[in-house]
């Protein structure tokens, strides 16, 4: 699932594959960019900002190829001549060919190209990035994330964690897992959460632990079926207390929680 750690890993994969190389041919398969030709441009770097991916290139100017994976987007890298596996060809949105690598973006969303100096117009609204360098603009800042959450004190904490303007990188899996670990009922108003800094510290550590691997694990176990505490485990026994894990389908995202370990607050 493309949450903050997945996008971080994707950015690093693209950086290792392309940074310093010259694009020999580009093919953008979206109407607004169909005539763009970046042949001869050099890939400077690939970075992430929350769930947004920024591929920076230099040539006559400095440009950024911006994409968002949402729920179903993906970038893949292949050797020249290698079959483009994993996704159907009609889902391809961009192809970047370099000397030793072909980068293919499948089902990308919000695909745009902007001057690098204008990146903030696309990502400046985001809250602190859980995996961002604290020394960089938009990087992780615990105090700022707490401040933003507290601006809407009556909002359910599960909903507030998913709001990327509060903090960038948490998706539905991590939302459920963070709240379980902290014993917080998902519909607890922000103001009733006892230790917001502690909760966000857990969030940052969870995402950081999955940097460098594609399997998202919150329990510490890489064994099949043991990677999460509650997410995706509706009706299965809670790993702590044995109570059946509950599932709520109301709204846009499914929520999983343990009714015993995360007691309701009224």
Protein backbone atom coordinates (compact mmCIF):
# COMPACT_ATOMS: atom_id res chain seq x y z
CA UNK A 1 0.00 0.00 0.00
CA UNK A 2 1.55 3.34 -1.05
CA UNK A 3 1.90 5.11 2.28
CA UNK A 4 4.77 7.37 3.25
CA UNK A 5 7.34 4.60 3.57
CA UNK A 6 6.41 3.12 0.18
CA UNK A 7 6.87 6.47 -1.52
CA UNK A 8 10.17 7.00 0.33
CA UNK A 9 11.37 3.61 -0.89
CA UNK A 10 10.19 4.37 -4.43
CA UNK A 11 12.06 7.68 -4.45
CA UNK A 12 15.27 5.97 -3.32
CA UNK A 13 14.86 3.26 -5.95
CA UNK A 14 14.52 5.87 -8.70
CA UNK A 15 17.43 7.87 -7.31
CA UNK A 16 19.74 4.87 -7.33
CA UNK A 17 18.66 3.95 -10.84
CA UNK A 18 18.68 7.37 -12.50
CA UNK A 19 20.57 10.03 -10.54
CA UNK A 20 23.37 11.47 -12.65
CA UNK A 21 22.17 9.83 -15.87
CA UNK A 22 20.97 11.59 -18.98
CA UNK A 23 17.46 10.89 -20.25
CA UNK A 24 17.77 9.57 -23.78
CA UNK A 25 14.05 9.48 -24.46
CA UNK A 26 10.92 10.48 -22.54
CA UNK A 27 7.33 9.47 -23.22
CA UNK A 28 4.53 11.09 -21.22
CA UNK A 29 1.19 9.40 -21.83
CA UNK A 30 -1.15 11.99 -20.36
CA UNK A 31 -2.80 14.70 -22.48
CA UNK A 32 -1.30 17.72 -20.71
CA UNK A 33 2.27 16.43 -21.08
CA UNK A 34 2.02 14.56 -24.39
CA UNK A 35 4.34 16.98 -26.21
CA UNK A 36 6.97 17.25 -23.48
CA UNK A 37 10.41 16.00 -24.49
CA UNK A 38 13.09 15.72 -21.80
CA UNK A 39 15.68 14.04 -24.02
CA UNK A 40 19.11 15.31 -23.07
CA UNK A 41 18.07 16.36 -19.58
CA UNK A 42 19.98 14.98 -16.59
CA UNK A 43 18.31 13.42 -13.57
CA UNK A 44 19.50 15.29 -10.51
CA UNK A 45 17.72 13.45 -7.73
CA UNK A 46 14.52 11.73 -6.64
CA UNK A 47 12.95 12.57 -3.28
CA UNK A 48 9.68 12.09 -1.48
CA UNK A 49 7.51 14.49 0.48
CA UNK A 50 4.85 12.61 2.36
CA UNK A 51 3.01 10.64 -0.33
CA UNK A 52 4.29 12.86 -3.15
CA UNK A 53 7.25 11.90 -5.34
CA UNK A 54 9.52 14.57 -6.82
CA UNK A 55 11.93 13.62 -9.61
CA UNK A 56 14.21 16.58 -10.30
CA UNK A 57 15.92 17.03 -13.65
CA UNK A 58 18.28 19.67 -15.01
CA UNK A 59 18.87 20.96 -18.52
CA UNK A 60 18.13 24.43 -19.81
CA UNK A 61 16.47 24.94 -16.42
CA UNK A 62 15.62 22.91 -13.31
CA UNK A 63 12.33 21.02 -13.53
CA UNK A 64 10.49 18.61 -11.26
CA UNK A 65 8.38 15.69 -12.41
CA UNK A 66 5.73 15.39 -9.71
CA UNK A 67 3.60 12.30 -9.19
CA UNK A 68 1.30 10.83 -6.55
CA UNK A 69 0.77 7.09 -6.17
CA UNK A 70 -2.54 7.25 -4.28
CA UNK A 71 -3.85 3.69 -3.86
CA UNK A 72 -2.74 2.07 -7.10
CA UNK A 73 0.18 3.95 -8.65
CA UNK A 74 3.70 2.57 -8.95
CA UNK A 75 7.11 3.23 -10.48
CA UNK A 76 9.22 0.35 -11.73
CA UNK A 77 12.76 0.24 -13.13
CA UNK A 78 13.93 -2.17 -15.82
CA UNK A 79 17.06 -2.89 -17.80
CA UNK A 80 16.98 -1.88 -21.48
CA UNK A 81 15.22 -4.62 -23.43
CA UNK A 82 13.69 -6.18 -20.31
CA UNK A 83 9.94 -6.84 -20.38
CA UNK A 84 7.92 -4.34 -18.37
CA UNK A 85 6.35 -6.71 -15.89
CA UNK A 86 3.83 -6.19 -13.12
CA UNK A 87 1.24 -3.90 -14.68
CA UNK A 88 -0.80 -3.72 -17.88
CA UNK A 89 0.58 -1.49 -20.62
CA UNK A 90 -2.53 0.70 -20.82
CA UNK A 91 -1.77 1.89 -17.28
CA UNK A 92 1.59 3.39 -18.27
CA UNK A 93 1.70 7.15 -17.75
CA UNK A 94 5.39 7.94 -18.28
CA UNK A 95 8.53 6.23 -19.59
CA UNK A 96 12.03 7.61 -19.00
CA UNK A 97 14.86 5.87 -20.85
CA UNK A 98 18.48 6.31 -19.76
CA UNK A 99 21.60 4.43 -20.83
CA UNK A 100 21.25 1.54 -18.40
CA UNK A 101 17.75 1.97 -16.98
CA UNK A 102 14.17 2.38 -18.10
CA UNK A 103 11.86 3.91 -15.48
CA UNK A 104 8.15 3.29 -16.03
CA UNK A 105 5.37 4.97 -14.09
CA UNK A 106 2.10 3.04 -13.92
CA UNK A 107 -1.28 4.57 -13.05
CA UNK A 108 0.34 7.70 -11.62
CA UNK A 109 -1.91 10.46 -10.34
CA UNK A 110 -1.48 14.24 -10.38
CA UNK A 111 1.36 13.86 -12.88
CA UNK A 112 2.75 17.31 -13.56
CA UNK A 113 6.01 19.06 -14.46
CA UNK A 114 6.86 22.34 -12.76
CA UNK A 115 9.96 24.49 -12.31
CA UNK A 116 11.77 23.07 -9.29
CA UNK A 117 11.58 26.45 -7.60
CA UNK A 118 7.77 26.12 -7.71
CA UNK A 119 7.55 22.75 -5.94
CA UNK A 120 6.08 24.33 -2.85
CA UNK A 121 2.96 25.18 -4.84
CA UNK A 122 2.33 21.44 -5.03
CA UNK A 123 3.52 20.25 -1.62
CA UNK A 124 3.70 23.35 0.55
CA UNK A 125 0.30 22.62 2.07
CA UNK A 126 1.54 19.37 3.59
CA UNK A 127 2.24 18.97 7.27
CA UNK A 128 5.64 17.79 8.54
CA UNK A 129 6.87 14.71 6.68
CA UNK A 130 7.29 11.78 9.08
CA UNK A 131 10.29 10.57 7.06
CA UNK A 132 11.64 13.98 6.14
CA UNK A 133 14.96 15.37 7.29
CA UNK A 134 14.21 17.78 10.16
CA UNK A 135 16.80 20.15 8.71
CA UNK A 136 14.99 20.37 5.36
CA UNK A 137 11.83 22.38 4.52
CA UNK A 138 8.79 20.26 5.33
CA UNK A 139 10.87 17.74 7.30
CA UNK A 140 9.75 16.05 10.47
CA UNK A 141 8.81 18.48 13.25
CA UNK A 142 6.99 16.85 16.16
CA UNK A 143 5.91 20.09 17.79
CA UNK A 144 4.47 21.46 14.54
CA UNK A 145 2.56 18.24 13.86
CA UNK A 146 1.05 18.34 17.35
CA UNK A 147 0.12 21.99 16.89
CA UNK A 148 -1.67 21.25 13.63
CA UNK A 149 -3.61 18.34 15.11
CA UNK A 150 -4.77 20.46 18.03
CA UNK A 151 -6.24 23.08 15.68
CA UNK A 152 -9.29 20.79 15.29
CA UNK A 153 -9.75 19.43 18.82
CA UNK A 154 -13.13 17.77 18.24
CA UNK A 155 -12.05 15.86 15.14
CA UNK A 156 -11.73 12.06 15.53
CA UNK A 157 -8.08 11.17 15.89
CA UNK A 158 -8.20 8.52 13.14
CA UNK A 159 -9.49 11.08 10.65
CA UNK A 160 -6.98 13.71 11.80
CA UNK A 161 -4.03 11.34 11.30
CA UNK A 162 -5.01 10.78 7.67
CA UNK A 163 -5.15 14.51 6.95
CA UNK A 164 -1.88 15.17 5.15
CA UNK A 165 -2.01 18.85 6.08
CA UNK A 166 -1.49 17.79 9.71
CA UNK A 167 1.37 15.36 9.09
CA UNK A 168 2.46 13.76 5.86
CA UNK A 169 2.86 10.04 5.32
CA UNK A 170 0.25 8.22 7.39
CA UNK A 171 -2.19 6.06 5.44
CA UNK A 172 -4.92 3.70 6.53
CA UNK A 173 -2.66 0.84 7.59
CA UNK A 174 -0.53 2.99 9.83
CA UNK A 175 -3.56 4.84 11.17
CA UNK A 176 -5.00 1.60 12.53
CA UNK A 177 -1.70 0.27 13.83
CA UNK A 178 -0.61 3.47 15.57
CA UNK A 179 -3.89 3.75 17.45
CA UNK A 180 -3.78 0.11 18.50
CA UNK A 181 -0.25 0.38 19.87
CA UNK A 182 -1.25 3.46 21.88
CA UNK A 183 -4.57 1.96 23.02
CA UNK A 184 -6.63 4.78 21.51
CA UNK A 185 -10.18 4.28 20.24
CA UNK A 186 -10.20 5.56 16.62
CA UNK A 187 -13.10 7.97 17.17
CA UNK A 188 -11.57 9.65 20.21
CA UNK A 189 -11.60 13.45 19.72
CA UNK A 190 -8.12 14.89 19.35
CA UNK A 191 -8.46 16.84 22.58
CA UNK A 192 -9.09 13.64 24.55
CA UNK A 193 -5.93 11.87 23.36
CA UNK A 194 -3.73 11.86 26.45
CA UNK A 195 -0.32 12.00 24.83
CA UNK A 196 -0.29 13.31 21.28
CA UNK A 197 3.52 13.65 21.16
CA UNK A 198 3.86 10.04 22.26
CA UNK A 199 1.39 8.88 19.62
CA UNK A 200 3.19 10.75 16.84
CA UNK A 201 6.55 9.46 18.02
CA UNK A 202 5.21 5.93 17.54
CA UNK A 203 3.96 6.93 14.08
CA UNK A 204 7.36 8.23 13.04
CA UNK A 205 9.14 5.13 14.34
CA UNK A 206 6.74 2.77 12.55
CA UNK A 207 7.26 4.37 9.17
CA UNK A 208 11.01 4.74 9.69
CA UNK A 209 11.32 1.03 10.53
CA UNK A 210 10.02 0.13 7.06
CA UNK A 211 12.45 2.27 5.10
CA UNK A 212 14.48 0.10 2.79
CA UNK A 213 11.97 -2.75 2.52
CA UNK A 214 8.73 -3.14 0.61
CA UNK A 215 6.93 -5.29 3.17
CA UNK A 216 5.07 -3.10 5.67
CA UNK A 217 5.47 -4.54 9.16
CA UNK A 218 4.39 -3.01 12.46
CA UNK A 219 4.69 -6.03 14.78
CA UNK A 220 8.35 -6.73 14.07
CA UNK A 221 7.56 -10.08 12.43
CA UNK A 222 8.21 -10.65 8.74
CA UNK A 223 6.35 -13.95 8.74
CA UNK A 224 3.36 -14.14 6.44
CA UNK A 225 0.19 -13.09 8.26
CA UNK A 226 2.03 -11.74 11.30
CA UNK A 227 2.98 -8.27 10.10
CA UNK A 228 0.15 -6.19 11.61
CA UNK A 229 -1.68 -6.03 14.92
CA UNK A 230 -5.18 -5.17 13.69
CA UNK A 231 -5.08 -3.91 10.11
CA UNK A 232 -6.69 -6.39 7.72
CA UNK A 233 -7.51 -8.74 10.62
CA UNK A 234 -11.26 -8.17 11.09
CA UNK A 235 -12.75 -10.92 13.35
CA UNK A 236 -9.34 -12.47 13.98
CA UNK A 237 -8.17 -12.63 17.60
CA UNK A 238 -6.33 -9.63 18.98
CA UNK A 239 -2.67 -10.50 19.39
CA UNK A 240 -2.70 -9.02 22.89
CA UNK A 241 -5.97 -10.05 24.50
CA UNK A 242 -7.72 -12.49 22.18
CA UNK A 243 -10.79 -10.30 21.62
CA UNK A 244 -12.06 -10.41 18.00
CA UNK A 245 -10.70 -7.45 16.03
CA UNK A 246 -13.50 -5.11 14.97
CA UNK A 247 -13.95 -3.59 11.53
CA UNK A 248 -15.86 -0.47 10.52
CA UNK A 249 -16.61 0.27 6.86
CA UNK A 250 -18.18 3.67 7.40
CA UNK A 251 -16.63 6.43 5.30
CA UNK A 252 -13.88 6.21 2.71
CA UNK A 253 -11.49 4.01 4.68
CA UNK A 254 -11.93 0.78 6.60
CA UNK A 255 -10.94 1.02 10.26
CA UNK A 256 -9.74 -1.91 12.36
CA UNK A 257 -9.39 -1.85 16.15
CA UNK A 258 -9.59 -4.01 19.25
CA UNK A 259 -12.64 -3.13 21.40
CA UNK A 260 -10.85 -4.30 24.54
CA UNK A 261 -7.39 -2.80 24.03
CA UNK A 262 -8.83 0.42 22.57
CA UNK A 263 -11.87 1.10 24.77
CA UNK A 264 -14.49 3.57 23.63
CA UNK A 265 -14.42 7.05 25.15
CA UNK A 266 -17.63 9.03 25.70
